[in-house]
Amino acid sequence: MGMSIEDRAMSQPKVFITQENPNLNYSPAEQFGDVHFLTRGDFSPIKNSLNNEFIVDELRKKLKDYNPATDYLVVSGSPVVSAVVFMLIREITQVVRILRWSNRDQVYQPLFISIVQR
């Protein structure tokens, strides 16, 4: 079971990284919250892959305490993994807080994206 609304409000912000790449340094994201890697794995093109089921289950478990009011998402690695993460977050909220890496400035820039219909 997920955290209560009160627990979420008092918890430290988290930075969810879609897929860990051991060759990248994610430490600059720590200024926005505790870093949590969602997966190291990638999806298989094989239709009934048990690995794919495992990754989706792993992502669901790790995102169950995602708080759209305080937490951030860093897109890293496979575009397929990132797409699935966004699909799962869409089940929770219509707003996502993203940290986008700026190669020019060497910092993460916060973005707030809302898909709420007006």
PDB file of N, CA and C in Angstrom:
ATOM      1  N   MET A   1       0.840  -1.188   0.000  1.00  0.00           N
ATOM      2  CA  MET A   1       0.000   0.000   0.000  1.00  0.00           C
ATOM      3  C   MET A   1       0.878   1.242   0.000  1.00  0.00           C
ATOM      4  N   GLY A   2       0.445   2.307  -0.677  1.00  0.00           N
ATOM      5  CA  GLY A   2       1.206   3.550  -0.782  1.00  0.00           C
ATOM      6  C   GLY A   2       1.138   4.360   0.498  1.00  0.00           C
ATOM      7  N   MET A   3       1.856   5.466   0.472  1.00  0.00           N
ATOM      8  CA  MET A   3       1.892   6.360   1.623  1.00  0.00           C
ATOM      9  C   MET A   3       0.594   7.148   1.708  1.00  0.00           C
ATOM     10  N   SER A   4       0.239   7.555   2.937  1.00  0.00           N
ATOM     11  CA  SER A   4      -0.932   8.401   3.118  1.00  0.00           C
ATOM     12  C   SER A   4      -0.611   9.812   2.611  1.00  0.00           C
ATOM     13  N   ILE A   5      -1.631  10.619   2.423  1.00  0.00           N
ATOM     14  CA  ILE A   5      -1.436  11.999   1.970  1.00  0.00           C
ATOM     15  C   ILE A   5      -0.586  12.768   2.971  1.00  0.00           C
ATOM     16  N   GLU A   6      -0.823  12.534   4.261  1.00  0.00           N
ATOM     17  CA  GLU A   6      -0.043  13.234   5.297  1.00  0.00           C
ATOM     18  C   GLU A   6       1.430  12.823   5.233  1.00  0.00           C
ATOM     19  N   ASP A   7       1.689  11.516   5.058  1.00  0.00           N
ATOM     20  CA  ASP A   7       3.069  11.048   4.967  1.00  0.00           C
ATOM     21  C   ASP A   7       3.766  11.631   3.738  1.00  0.00           C
ATOM     22  N   ARG A   8       3.041  11.689   2.622  1.00  0.00           N
ATOM     23  CA  ARG A   8       3.617  12.247   1.397  1.00  0.00           C
ATOM     24  C   ARG A   8       3.984  13.713   1.586  1.00  0.00           C
ATOM     25  N   ALA A   9       3.122  14.460   2.251  1.00  0.00           N
ATOM     26  CA  ALA A   9       3.361  15.885   2.451  1.00  0.00           C
ATOM     27  C   ALA A   9       4.610  16.128   3.287  1.00  0.00           C
ATOM     28  N   MET A  10       4.913  15.219   4.205  1.00  0.00           N
ATOM     29  CA  MET A  10       6.058  15.402   5.097  1.00  0.00           C
ATOM     30  C   MET A  10       7.327  14.738   4.575  1.00  0.00           C
ATOM     31  N   SER A  11       7.239  13.931   3.532  1.00  0.00           N
ATOM     32  CA  SER A  11       8.411  13.210   3.049  1.00  0.00           C
ATOM     33  C   SER A  11       9.311  14.125   2.226  1.00  0.00           C
ATOM     34  N   GLN A  12      10.576  13.750   2.170  1.00  0.00           N
ATOM     35  CA  GLN A  12      11.544  14.478   1.362  1.00  0.00           C
ATOM     36  C   GLN A  12      11.202  14.291  -0.108  1.00  0.00           C
ATOM     37  N   PRO A  13      11.418  15.311  -0.928  1.00  0.00           N
ATOM     38  CA  PRO A  13      11.215  15.127  -2.363  1.00  0.00           C
ATOM     39  C   PRO A  13      12.135  14.029  -2.895  1.00  0.00           C
ATOM     40  N   LYS A  14      11.650  13.355  -3.927  1.00  0.00           N
ATOM     41  CA  LYS A  14      12.424  12.297  -4.566  1.00  0.00           C
ATOM     42  C   LYS A  14      12.674  12.672  -6.015  1.00  0.00           C
ATOM     43  N   VAL A  15      13.772  12.188  -6.537  1.00  0.00           N
ATOM     44  CA  VAL A  15      14.085  12.326  -7.955  1.00  0.00           C
ATOM     45  C   VAL A  15      14.131  10.915  -8.512  1.00  0.00           C
ATOM     46  N   PHE A  16      13.156  10.593  -9.363  1.00  0.00           N
ATOM     47  CA  PHE A  16      13.083   9.276  -9.978  1.00  0.00           C
ATOM     48  C   PHE A  16      13.794   9.325 -11.324  1.00  0.00           C
ATOM     49  N   ILE A  17      14.793   8.463 -11.474  1.00  0.00           N
ATOM     50  CA  ILE A  17      15.546   8.393 -12.733  1.00  0.00           C
ATOM     51  C   ILE A  17      15.065   7.161 -13.483  1.00  0.00           C
ATOM     52  N   THR A  18      14.620   7.368 -14.723  1.00  0.00           N
ATOM     53  CA  THR A  18      13.941   6.305 -15.449  1.00  0.00           C
ATOM     54  C   THR A  18      14.790   5.053 -15.611  1.00  0.00           C
ATOM     55  N   GLN A  19      16.054   5.207 -15.984  1.00  0.00           N
ATOM     56  CA  GLN A  19      16.924   4.040 -16.184  1.00  0.00           C
ATOM     57  C   GLN A  19      18.355   4.437 -15.854  1.00  0.00           C
ATOM     58  N   GLU A  20      18.943   3.702 -14.938  1.00  0.00           N
ATOM     59  CA  GLU A  20      20.312   4.012 -14.520  1.00  0.00           C
ATOM     60  C   GLU A  20      21.314   3.672 -15.616  1.00  0.00           C
ATOM     61  N   ASN A  21      22.202   4.612 -15.869  1.00  0.00           N
ATOM     62  CA  ASN A  21      23.331   4.406 -16.773  1.00  0.00           C
ATOM     63  C   ASN A  21      24.585   4.552 -15.924  1.00  0.00           C
ATOM     64  N   PRO A  22      25.351   3.473 -15.736  1.00  0.00           N
ATOM     65  CA  PRO A  22      26.521   3.543 -14.854  1.00  0.00           C
ATOM     66  C   PRO A  22      27.596   4.520 -15.343  1.00  0.00           C
ATOM     67  N   ASN A  23      27.497   4.970 -16.581  1.00  0.00           N
ATOM     68  CA  ASN A  23      28.495   5.902 -17.122  1.00  0.00           C
ATOM     69  C   ASN A  23      28.138   7.369 -16.895  1.00  0.00           C
ATOM     70  N   LEU A  24      26.968   7.625 -16.298  1.00  0.00           N
ATOM     71  CA  LEU A  24      26.548   9.004 -16.060  1.00  0.00           C
ATOM     72  C   LEU A  24      26.609   9.347 -14.577  1.00  0.00           C
ATOM     73  N   ASN A  25      26.853  10.613 -14.301  1.00  0.00           N
ATOM     74  CA  ASN A  25      26.895  11.110 -12.930  1.00  0.00           C
ATOM     75  C   ASN A  25      25.577  11.837 -12.649  1.00  0.00           C
ATOM     76  N   TYR A  26      24.761  11.251 -11.793  1.00  0.00           N
ATOM     77  CA  TYR A  26      23.463  11.836 -11.475  1.00  0.00           C
ATOM     78  C   TYR A  26      23.498  12.690 -10.206  1.00  0.00           C
ATOM     79  N   SER A  27      24.668  12.878  -9.615  1.00  0.00           N
ATOM     80  CA  SER A  27      24.744  13.597  -8.342  1.00  0.00           C
ATOM     81  C   SER A  27      24.196  15.030  -8.402  1.00  0.00           C
ATOM     82  N   PRO A  28      24.275  15.761  -9.523  1.00  0.00           N
ATOM     83  CA  PRO A  28      23.664  17.099  -9.531  1.00  0.00           C
ATOM     84  C   PRO A  28      22.153  17.074  -9.277  1.00  0.00           C
ATOM     85  N   ALA A  29      21.503  15.955  -9.525  1.00  0.00           N
ATOM     86  CA  ALA A  29      20.051  15.846  -9.288  1.00  0.00           C
ATOM     87  C   ALA A  29      19.736  15.774  -7.793  1.00  0.00           C
ATOM     88  N   GLU A  30      20.727  15.438  -6.978  1.00  0.00           N
ATOM     89  CA  GLU A  30      20.489  15.296  -5.541  1.00  0.00           C
ATOM     90  C   GLU A  30      20.080  16.603  -4.870  1.00  0.00           C
ATOM     91  N   GLN A  31      20.357  17.735  -5.491  1.00  0.00           N
ATOM     92  CA  GLN A  31      19.936  19.008  -4.889  1.00  0.00           C
ATOM     93  C   GLN A  31      18.421  19.166  -4.938  1.00  0.00           C
ATOM     94  N   PHE A  32      17.732  18.327  -5.744  1.00  0.00           N
ATOM     95  CA  PHE A  32      16.278  18.400  -5.856  1.00  0.00           C
ATOM     96  C   PHE A  32      15.571  17.341  -5.016  1.00  0.00           C
ATOM     97  N   GLY A  33      16.327  16.384  -4.460  1.00  0.00           N
ATOM     98  CA  GLY A  33      15.728  15.345  -3.631  1.00  0.00           C
ATOM     99  C   GLY A  33      16.559  14.075  -3.648  1.00  0.00           C
ATOM    100  N   ASP A  34      16.068  13.081  -2.916  1.00  0.00           N
ATOM    101  CA  ASP A  34      16.748  11.788  -2.855  1.00  0.00           C
ATOM    102  C   ASP A  34      16.597  11.074  -4.192  1.00  0.00           C
ATOM    103  N   VAL A  35      17.710  10.609  -4.754  1.00  0.00           N
ATOM    104  CA  VAL A  35      17.690   9.951  -6.055  1.00  0.00           C
ATOM    105  C   VAL A  35      17.250   8.501  -5.914  1.00  0.00           C
ATOM    106  N   HIS A  36      16.297   8.104  -6.772  1.00  0.00           N
ATOM    107  CA  HIS A  36      15.796   6.727  -6.821  1.00  0.00           C
ATOM    108  C   HIS A  36      15.824   6.265  -8.276  1.00  0.00           C
ATOM    109  N   PHE A  37      16.553   5.195  -8.527  1.00  0.00           N
ATOM    110  CA  PHE A  37      16.607   4.639  -9.873  1.00  0.00           C
ATOM    111  C   PHE A  37      15.451   3.673 -10.051  1.00  0.00           C
ATOM    112  N   LEU A  38      14.733   3.805 -11.163  1.00  0.00           N
ATOM    113  CA  LEU A  38      13.567   2.965 -11.394  1.00  0.00           C
ATOM    114  C   LEU A  38      13.934   1.600 -11.967  1.00  0.00           C
ATOM    115  N   THR A  39      14.948   1.540 -12.825  1.00  0.00           N
ATOM    116  CA  THR A  39      15.378   0.250 -13.377  1.00  0.00           C
ATOM    117  C   THR A  39      16.764   0.375 -13.989  1.00  0.00           C
ATOM    118  N   ARG A  40      17.405  -0.766 -14.175  1.00  0.00           N
ATOM    119  CA  ARG A  40      18.626  -0.858 -14.977  1.00  0.00           C
ATOM    120  C   ARG A  40      18.323  -1.603 -16.271  1.00  0.00           C
ATOM    121  N   GLY A  41      17.224  -2.357 -16.234  1.00  0.00           N
ATOM    122  CA  GLY A  41      16.879  -3.219 -17.356  1.00  0.00           C
ATOM    123  C   GLY A  41      16.275  -2.466 -18.517  1.00  0.00           C
ATOM    124  N   ASP A  42      16.100  -3.198 -19.616  1.00  0.00           N
ATOM    125  CA  ASP A  42      15.448  -2.650 -20.799  1.00  0.00           C
ATOM    126  C   ASP A  42      14.475  -3.686 -21.337  1.00  0.00           C
ATOM    127  N   PHE A  43      13.525  -3.227 -22.113  1.00  0.00           N
ATOM    128  CA  PHE A  43      12.494  -4.102 -22.646  1.00  0.00           C
ATOM    129  C   PHE A  43      13.013  -4.955 -23.786  1.00  0.00           C
ATOM    130  N   SER A  44      12.450  -6.143 -23.888  1.00  0.00           N
ATOM    131  CA  SER A  44      12.783  -7.095 -24.941  1.00  0.00           C
ATOM    132  C   SER A  44      11.762  -6.968 -26.069  1.00  0.00           C
ATOM    133  N   PRO A  45      12.190  -7.162 -27.318  1.00  0.00           N
ATOM    134  CA  PRO A  45      11.228  -7.132 -28.421  1.00  0.00           C
ATOM    135  C   PRO A  45      10.387  -8.409 -28.520  1.00  0.00           C
ATOM    136  N   ILE A  46      10.670  -9.379 -27.683  1.00  0.00           N
ATOM    137  CA  ILE A  46       9.940 -10.642 -27.712  1.00  0.00           C
ATOM    138  C   ILE A  46       8.604 -10.465 -26.995  1.00  0.00           C
ATOM    139  N   LYS A  47       7.526 -10.791 -27.686  1.00  0.00           N
ATOM    140  CA  LYS A  47       6.161 -10.499 -27.245  1.00  0.00           C
ATOM    141  C   LYS A  47       5.849 -10.947 -25.815  1.00  0.00           C
ATOM    142  N   ASN A  48       6.139 -12.157 -25.458  1.00  0.00           N
ATOM    143  CA  ASN A  48       5.759 -12.695 -24.146  1.00  0.00           C
ATOM    144  C   ASN A  48       6.929 -12.730 -23.161  1.00  0.00           C
ATOM    145  N   SER A  49       7.832 -11.798 -23.305  1.00  0.00           N
ATOM    146  CA  SER A  49       9.021 -11.767 -22.461  1.00  0.00           C
ATOM    147  C   SER A  49       8.661 -11.589 -20.984  1.00  0.00           C
ATOM    148  N   LEU A  50       9.142 -12.506 -20.166  1.00  0.00           N
ATOM    149  CA  LEU A  50       8.958 -12.375 -18.719  1.00  0.00           C
ATOM    150  C   LEU A  50       9.741 -11.181 -18.187  1.00  0.00           C
ATOM    151  N   ASN A  51      10.833 -10.846 -18.865  1.00  0.00           N
ATOM    152  CA  ASN A  51      11.617  -9.680 -18.478  1.00  0.00           C
ATOM    153  C   ASN A  51      10.762  -8.409 -18.574  1.00  0.00           C
ATOM    154  N   ASN A  52       9.959  -8.293 -19.625  1.00  0.00           N
ATOM    155  CA  ASN A  52       9.107  -7.112 -19.785  1.00  0.00           C
ATOM    156  C   ASN A  52       8.100  -7.009 -18.640  1.00  0.00           C
ATOM    157  N   GLU A  53       7.492  -8.137 -18.280  1.00  0.00           N
ATOM    158  CA  GLU A  53       6.562  -8.146 -17.143  1.00  0.00           C
ATOM    159  C   GLU A  53       7.267  -7.719 -15.866  1.00  0.00           C
ATOM    160  N   PHE A  54       8.474  -8.242 -15.669  1.00  0.00           N
ATOM    161  CA  PHE A  54       9.249  -7.906 -14.475  1.00  0.00           C
ATOM    162  C   PHE A  54       9.532  -6.405 -14.415  1.00  0.00           C
ATOM    163  N   ILE A  55       9.943  -5.807 -15.537  1.00  0.00           N
ATOM    164  CA  ILE A  55      10.266  -4.381 -15.547  1.00  0.00           C
ATOM    165  C   ILE A  55       9.031  -3.542 -15.238  1.00  0.00           C
ATOM    166  N   VAL A  56       7.893  -3.873 -15.841  1.00  0.00           N
ATOM    167  CA  VAL A  56       6.669  -3.118 -15.572  1.00  0.00           C
ATOM    168  C   VAL A  56       6.294  -3.233 -14.096  1.00  0.00           C
ATOM    169  N   ASP A  57       6.374  -4.442 -13.535  1.00  0.00           N
ATOM    170  CA  ASP A  57       6.078  -4.628 -12.106  1.00  0.00           C
ATOM    171  C   ASP A  57       7.032  -3.818 -11.238  1.00  0.00           C
ATOM    172  N   GLU A  58       8.313  -3.848 -11.588  1.00  0.00           N
ATOM    173  CA  GLU A  58       9.330  -3.100 -10.848  1.00  0.00           C
ATOM    174  C   GLU A  58       9.034  -1.596 -10.896  1.00  0.00           C
ATOM    175  N   LEU A  59       8.681  -1.089 -12.074  1.00  0.00           N
ATOM    176  CA  LEU A  59       8.376   0.333 -12.222  1.00  0.00           C
ATOM    177  C   LEU A  59       7.143   0.705 -11.405  1.00  0.00           C
ATOM    178  N   ARG A  60       6.103  -0.123 -11.456  1.00  0.00           N
ATOM    179  CA  ARG A  60       4.875   0.148 -10.684  1.00  0.00           C
ATOM    180  C   ARG A  60       5.169   0.221  -9.183  1.00  0.00           C
ATOM    181  N   LYS A  61       5.937  -0.732  -8.690  1.00  0.00           N
ATOM    182  CA  LYS A  61       6.268  -0.754  -7.259  1.00  0.00           C
ATOM    183  C   LYS A  61       7.035   0.498  -6.856  1.00  0.00           C
ATOM    184  N   LYS A  62       8.006   0.873  -7.662  1.00  0.00           N
ATOM    185  CA  LYS A  62       8.843   2.015  -7.303  1.00  0.00           C
ATOM    186  C   LYS A  62       8.111   3.347  -7.455  1.00  0.00           C
ATOM    187  N   LEU A  63       7.102   3.392  -8.311  1.00  0.00           N
ATOM    188  CA  LEU A  63       6.349   4.637  -8.509  1.00  0.00           C
ATOM    189  C   LEU A  63       5.123   4.761  -7.621  1.00  0.00           C
ATOM    190  N   LYS A  64       4.816   3.752  -6.811  1.00  0.00           N
ATOM    191  CA  LYS A  64       3.579   3.807  -6.024  1.00  0.00           C
ATOM    192  C   LYS A  64       3.578   4.958  -5.018  1.00  0.00           C
ATOM    193  N   ASP A  65       4.732   5.408  -4.582  1.00  0.00           N
ATOM    194  CA  ASP A  65       4.813   6.529  -3.640  1.00  0.00           C
ATOM    195  C   ASP A  65       5.206   7.833  -4.327  1.00  0.00           C
ATOM    196  N   TYR A  66       5.153   7.852  -5.648  1.00  0.00           N
ATOM    197  CA  TYR A  66       5.459   9.072  -6.402  1.00  0.00           C
ATOM    198  C   TYR A  66       4.469  10.168  -6.011  1.00  0.00           C
ATOM    199  N   ASN A  67       5.001  11.323  -5.639  1.00  0.00           N
ATOM    200  CA  ASN A  67       4.174  12.463  -5.240  1.00  0.00           C
ATOM    201  C   ASN A  67       4.335  13.565  -6.286  1.00  0.00           C
ATOM    202  N   PRO A  68       3.321  13.784  -7.122  1.00  0.00           N
ATOM    203  CA  PRO A  68       3.450  14.782  -8.186  1.00  0.00           C
ATOM    204  C   PRO A  68       3.649  16.208  -7.680  1.00  0.00           C
ATOM    205  N   ALA A  69       3.334  16.466  -6.425  1.00  0.00           N
ATOM    206  CA  ALA A  69       3.487  17.815  -5.873  1.00  0.00           C
ATOM    207  C   ALA A  69       4.928  18.133  -5.498  1.00  0.00           C
ATOM    208  N   THR A  70       5.747  17.100  -5.231  1.00  0.00           N
ATOM    209  CA  THR A  70       7.105  17.362  -4.755  1.00  0.00           C
ATOM    210  C   THR A  70       8.203  16.635  -5.520  1.00  0.00           C
ATOM    211  N   ASP A  71       7.863  15.535  -6.179  1.00  0.00           N
ATOM    212  CA  ASP A  71       8.892  14.680  -6.779  1.00  0.00           C
ATOM    213  C   ASP A  71       9.187  15.070  -8.225  1.00  0.00           C
ATOM    214  N   TYR A  72      10.374  14.698  -8.665  1.00  0.00           N
ATOM    215  CA  TYR A  72      10.830  14.984 -10.018  1.00  0.00           C
ATOM    216  C   TYR A  72      11.121  13.696 -10.760  1.00  0.00           C
ATOM    217  N   LEU A  73      11.154  13.808 -12.084  1.00  0.00           N
ATOM    218  CA  LEU A  73      11.507  12.707 -12.956  1.00  0.00           C
ATOM    219  C   LEU A  73      12.674  13.141 -13.824  1.00  0.00           C
ATOM    220  N   VAL A  74      13.696  12.293 -13.926  1.00  0.00           N
ATOM    221  CA  VAL A  74      14.810  12.509 -14.846  1.00  0.00           C
ATOM    222  C   VAL A  74      14.711  11.424 -15.907  1.00  0.00           C
ATOM    223  N   VAL A  75      14.627  11.843 -17.165  1.00  0.00           N
ATOM    224  CA  VAL A  75      14.560  10.899 -18.273  1.00  0.00           C
ATOM    225  C   VAL A  75      15.988  10.516 -18.643  1.00  0.00           C
ATOM    226  N   SER A  76      16.274   9.219 -18.542  1.00  0.00           N
ATOM    227  CA  SER A  76      17.616   8.726 -18.822  1.00  0.00           C
ATOM    228  C   SER A  76      17.504   7.327 -19.411  1.00  0.00           C
ATOM    229  N   GLY A  77      18.315   7.058 -20.405  1.00  0.00           N
ATOM    230  CA  GLY A  77      18.352   5.708 -20.955  1.00  0.00           C
ATOM    231  C   GLY A  77      17.349   5.475 -22.068  1.00  0.00           C
ATOM    232  N   SER A  78      16.817   4.272 -22.093  1.00  0.00           N
ATOM    233  CA  SER A  78      15.941   3.807 -23.160  1.00  0.00           C
ATOM    234  C   SER A  78      14.685   4.659 -23.294  1.00  0.00           C
ATOM    235  N   PRO A  79      14.368   5.100 -24.514  1.00  0.00           N
ATOM    236  CA  PRO A  79      13.118   5.829 -24.720  1.00  0.00           C
ATOM    237  C   PRO A  79      11.888   4.961 -24.423  1.00  0.00           C
ATOM    238  N   VAL A  80      12.007   3.659 -24.604  1.00  0.00           N
ATOM    239  CA  VAL A  80      10.877   2.769 -24.319  1.00  0.00           C
ATOM    240  C   VAL A  80      10.615   2.728 -22.822  1.00  0.00           C
ATOM    241  N   VAL A  81      11.669   2.605 -22.022  1.00  0.00           N
ATOM    242  CA  VAL A  81      11.507   2.624 -20.566  1.00  0.00           C
ATOM    243  C   VAL A  81      10.892   3.952 -20.150  1.00  0.00           C
ATOM    244  N   SER A  82      11.393   5.044 -20.690  1.00  0.00           N
ATOM    245  CA  SER A  82      10.856   6.364 -20.344  1.00  0.00           C
ATOM    246  C   SER A  82       9.383   6.482 -20.716  1.00  0.00           C
ATOM    247  N   ALA A  83       9.011   5.968 -21.882  1.00  0.00           N
ATOM    248  CA  ALA A  83       7.609   6.026 -22.306  1.00  0.00           C
ATOM    249  C   ALA A  83       6.713   5.258 -21.344  1.00  0.00           C
ATOM    250  N   VAL A  84       7.154   4.090 -20.915  1.00  0.00           N
ATOM    251  CA  VAL A  84       6.359   3.294 -19.973  1.00  0.00           C
ATOM    252  C   VAL A  84       6.255   4.014 -18.632  1.00  0.00           C
ATOM    253  N   VAL A  85       7.331   4.631 -18.183  1.00  0.00           N
ATOM    254  CA  VAL A  85       7.294   5.397 -16.931  1.00  0.00           C
ATOM    255  C   VAL A  85       6.256   6.514 -17.042  1.00  0.00           C
ATOM    256  N   PHE A  86       6.243   7.234 -18.147  1.00  0.00           N
ATOM    257  CA  PHE A  86       5.255   8.297 -18.321  1.00  0.00           C
ATOM    258  C   PHE A  86       3.839   7.732 -18.362  1.00  0.00           C
ATOM    259  N   MET A  87       3.653   6.575 -18.979  1.00  0.00           N
ATOM    260  CA  MET A  87       2.327   5.947 -18.996  1.00  0.00           C
ATOM    261  C   MET A  87       1.867   5.624 -17.576  1.00  0.00           C
ATOM    262  N   LEU A  88       2.788   5.111 -16.752  1.00  0.00           N
ATOM    263  CA  LEU A  88       2.444   4.752 -15.376  1.00  0.00           C
ATOM    264  C   LEU A  88       2.188   6.000 -14.529  1.00  0.00           C
ATOM    265  N   ILE A  89       2.976   7.029 -14.738  1.00  0.00           N
ATOM    266  CA  ILE A  89       2.749   8.278 -13.997  1.00  0.00           C
ATOM    267  C   ILE A  89       1.410   8.882 -14.385  1.00  0.00           C
ATOM    268  N   ARG A  90       1.020   8.734 -15.633  1.00  0.00           N
ATOM    269  CA  ARG A  90      -0.272   9.264 -16.093  1.00  0.00           C
ATOM    270  C   ARG A  90      -1.433   8.600 -15.348  1.00  0.00           C
ATOM    271  N   GLU A  91      -1.234   7.391 -14.865  1.00  0.00           N
ATOM    272  CA  GLU A  91      -2.261   6.731 -14.054  1.00  0.00           C
ATOM    273  C   GLU A  91      -2.419   7.418 -12.696  1.00  0.00           C
ATOM    274  N   ILE A  92      -1.390   8.150 -12.267  1.00  0.00           N
ATOM    275  CA  ILE A  92      -1.370   8.805 -10.963  1.00  0.00           C
ATOM    276  C   ILE A  92      -1.806  10.262 -11.059  1.00  0.00           C
ATOM    277  N   THR A  93      -1.339  10.956 -12.102  1.00  0.00           N
ATOM    278  CA  THR A  93      -1.511  12.403 -12.178  1.00  0.00           C
ATOM    279  C   THR A  93      -1.493  12.874 -13.626  1.00  0.00           C
ATOM    280  N   GLN A  94      -1.901  14.115 -13.821  1.00  0.00           N
ATOM    281  CA  GLN A  94      -1.820  14.748 -15.137  1.00  0.00           C
ATOM    282  C   GLN A  94      -0.741  15.822 -15.175  1.00  0.00           C
ATOM    283  N   VAL A  95       0.055  15.873 -14.113  1.00  0.00           N
ATOM    284  CA  VAL A  95       1.130  16.854 -14.024  1.00  0.00           C
ATOM    285  C   VAL A  95       2.413  16.113 -13.672  1.00  0.00           C
ATOM    286  N   VAL A  96       3.497  16.487 -14.321  1.00  0.00           N
ATOM    287  CA  VAL A  96       4.784  15.858 -13.997  1.00  0.00           C
ATOM    288  C   VAL A  96       5.847  16.948 -13.904  1.00  0.00           C
ATOM    289  N   ARG A  97       6.706  16.760 -12.913  1.00  0.00           N
ATOM    290  CA  ARG A  97       7.831  17.674 -12.707  1.00  0.00           C
ATOM    291  C   ARG A  97       9.065  16.948 -13.228  1.00  0.00           C
ATOM    292  N   ILE A  98       9.705  17.532 -14.217  1.00  0.00           N
ATOM    293  CA  ILE A  98      10.850  16.908 -14.882  1.00  0.00           C
ATOM    294  C   ILE A  98      12.098  17.737 -14.635  1.00  0.00           C
ATOM    295  N   LEU A  99      13.210  17.044 -14.481  1.00  0.00           N
ATOM    296  CA  LEU A  99      14.509  17.723 -14.464  1.00  0.00           C
ATOM    297  C   LEU A  99      15.185  17.441 -15.798  1.00  0.00           C
ATOM    298  N   ARG A 100      15.412  18.497 -16.553  1.00  0.00           N
ATOM    299  CA  ARG A 100      16.063  18.365 -17.860  1.00  0.00           C
ATOM    300  C   ARG A 100      17.519  18.811 -17.722  1.00  0.00           C
ATOM    301  N   TRP A 101      18.436  17.980 -18.208  1.00  0.00           N
ATOM    302  CA  TRP A 101      19.854  18.297 -18.142  1.00  0.00           C
ATOM    303  C   TRP A 101      20.209  19.309 -19.225  1.00  0.00           C
ATOM    304  N   SER A 102      20.910  20.369 -18.833  1.00  0.00           N
ATOM    305  CA  SER A 102      21.416  21.356 -19.777  1.00  0.00           C
ATOM    306  C   SER A 102      22.898  21.088 -20.007  1.00  0.00           C
ATOM    307  N   ASN A 103      23.243  20.642 -21.207  1.00  0.00           N
ATOM    308  CA  ASN A 103      24.654  20.409 -21.521  1.00  0.00           C
ATOM    309  C   ASN A 103      25.443  21.709 -21.508  1.00  0.00           C
ATOM    310  N   ARG A 104      24.793  22.788 -21.910  1.00  0.00           N
ATOM    311  CA  ARG A 104      25.475  24.081 -21.954  1.00  0.00           C
ATOM    312  C   ARG A 104      25.842  24.569 -20.555  1.00  0.00           C
ATOM    313  N   ASP A 105      24.863  24.515 -19.619  1.00  0.00           N
ATOM    314  CA  ASP A 105      25.078  25.056 -18.276  1.00  0.00           C
ATOM    315  C   ASP A 105      25.525  24.002 -17.265  1.00  0.00           C
ATOM    316  N   GLN A 106      25.458  22.725 -17.657  1.00  0.00           N
ATOM    317  CA  GLN A 106      25.860  21.626 -16.778  1.00  0.00           C
ATOM    318  C   GLN A 106      25.043  21.586 -15.488  1.00  0.00           C
ATOM    319  N   VAL A 107      23.733  21.831 -15.603  1.00  0.00           N
ATOM    320  CA  VAL A 107      22.822  21.791 -14.464  1.00  0.00           C
ATOM    321  C   VAL A 107      21.500  21.178 -14.906  1.00  0.00           C
ATOM    322  N   TYR A 108      20.729  20.726 -13.921  1.00  0.00           N
ATOM    323  CA  TYR A 108      19.371  20.291 -14.196  1.00  0.00           C
ATOM    324  C   TYR A 108      18.444  21.504 -14.132  1.00  0.00           C
ATOM    325  N   GLN A 109      17.542  21.581 -15.100  1.00  0.00           N
ATOM    326  CA  GLN A 109      16.555  22.653 -15.139  1.00  0.00           C
ATOM    327  C   GLN A 109      15.175  22.041 -14.903  1.00  0.00           C
ATOM    328  N   PRO A 110      14.438  22.531 -13.904  1.00  0.00           N
ATOM    329  CA  PRO A 110      13.095  21.999 -13.658  1.00  0.00           C
ATOM    330  C   PRO A 110      12.104  22.427 -14.746  1.00  0.00           C
ATOM    331  N   LEU A 111      11.280  21.488 -15.150  1.00  0.00           N
ATOM    332  CA  LEU A 111      10.176  21.735 -16.083  1.00  0.00           C
ATOM    333  C   LEU A 111       8.905  21.218 -15.434  1.00  0.00           C
ATOM    334  N   PHE A 112       7.824  21.918 -15.619  1.00  0.00           N
ATOM    335  CA  PHE A 112       6.531  21.485 -15.110  1.00  0.00           C
ATOM    336  C   PHE A 112       5.616  21.303 -16.310  1.00  0.00           C
ATOM    337  N   ILE A 113       5.174  20.089 -16.529  1.00  0.00           N
ATOM    338  CA  ILE A 113       4.330  19.797 -17.679  1.00  0.00           C
ATOM    339  C   ILE A 113       2.975  19.309 -17.194  1.00  0.00           C
ATOM    340  N   SER A 114       1.924  19.959 -17.696  1.00  0.00           N
ATOM    341  CA  SER A 114       0.573  19.596 -17.346  1.00  0.00           C
ATOM    342  C   SER A 114      -0.181  19.216 -18.611  1.00  0.00           C
ATOM    343  N   ILE A 115      -0.917  18.111 -18.530  1.00  0.00           N
ATOM    344  CA  ILE A 115      -1.756  17.727 -19.655  1.00  0.00           C
ATOM    345  C   ILE A 115      -3.236  17.796 -19.263  1.00  0.00           C
ATOM    346  N   VAL A 116      -3.515  18.591 -18.239  1.00  0.00           N
ATOM    347  CA  VAL A 116      -4.886  18.797 -17.792  1.00  0.00           C
ATOM    348  C   VAL A 116      -5.641  19.517 -18.892  1.00  0.00           C
ATOM    349  N   GLN A 117      -6.801  19.002 -19.264  1.00  0.00           N
ATOM    350  CA  GLN A 117      -7.615  19.658 -20.293  1.00  0.00           C
ATOM    351  C   GLN A 117      -8.209  20.938 -19.744  1.00  0.00           C
ATOM    352  N   ARG A 118      -8.223  21.956 -20.572  1.00  0.00           N
ATOM    353  CA  ARG A 118      -8.762  23.244 -20.151  1.00  0.00           C
ATOM    354  C   ARG A 118     -10.093  23.491 -20.790  1.00  0.00           C
TER     355      ARG A 118
END
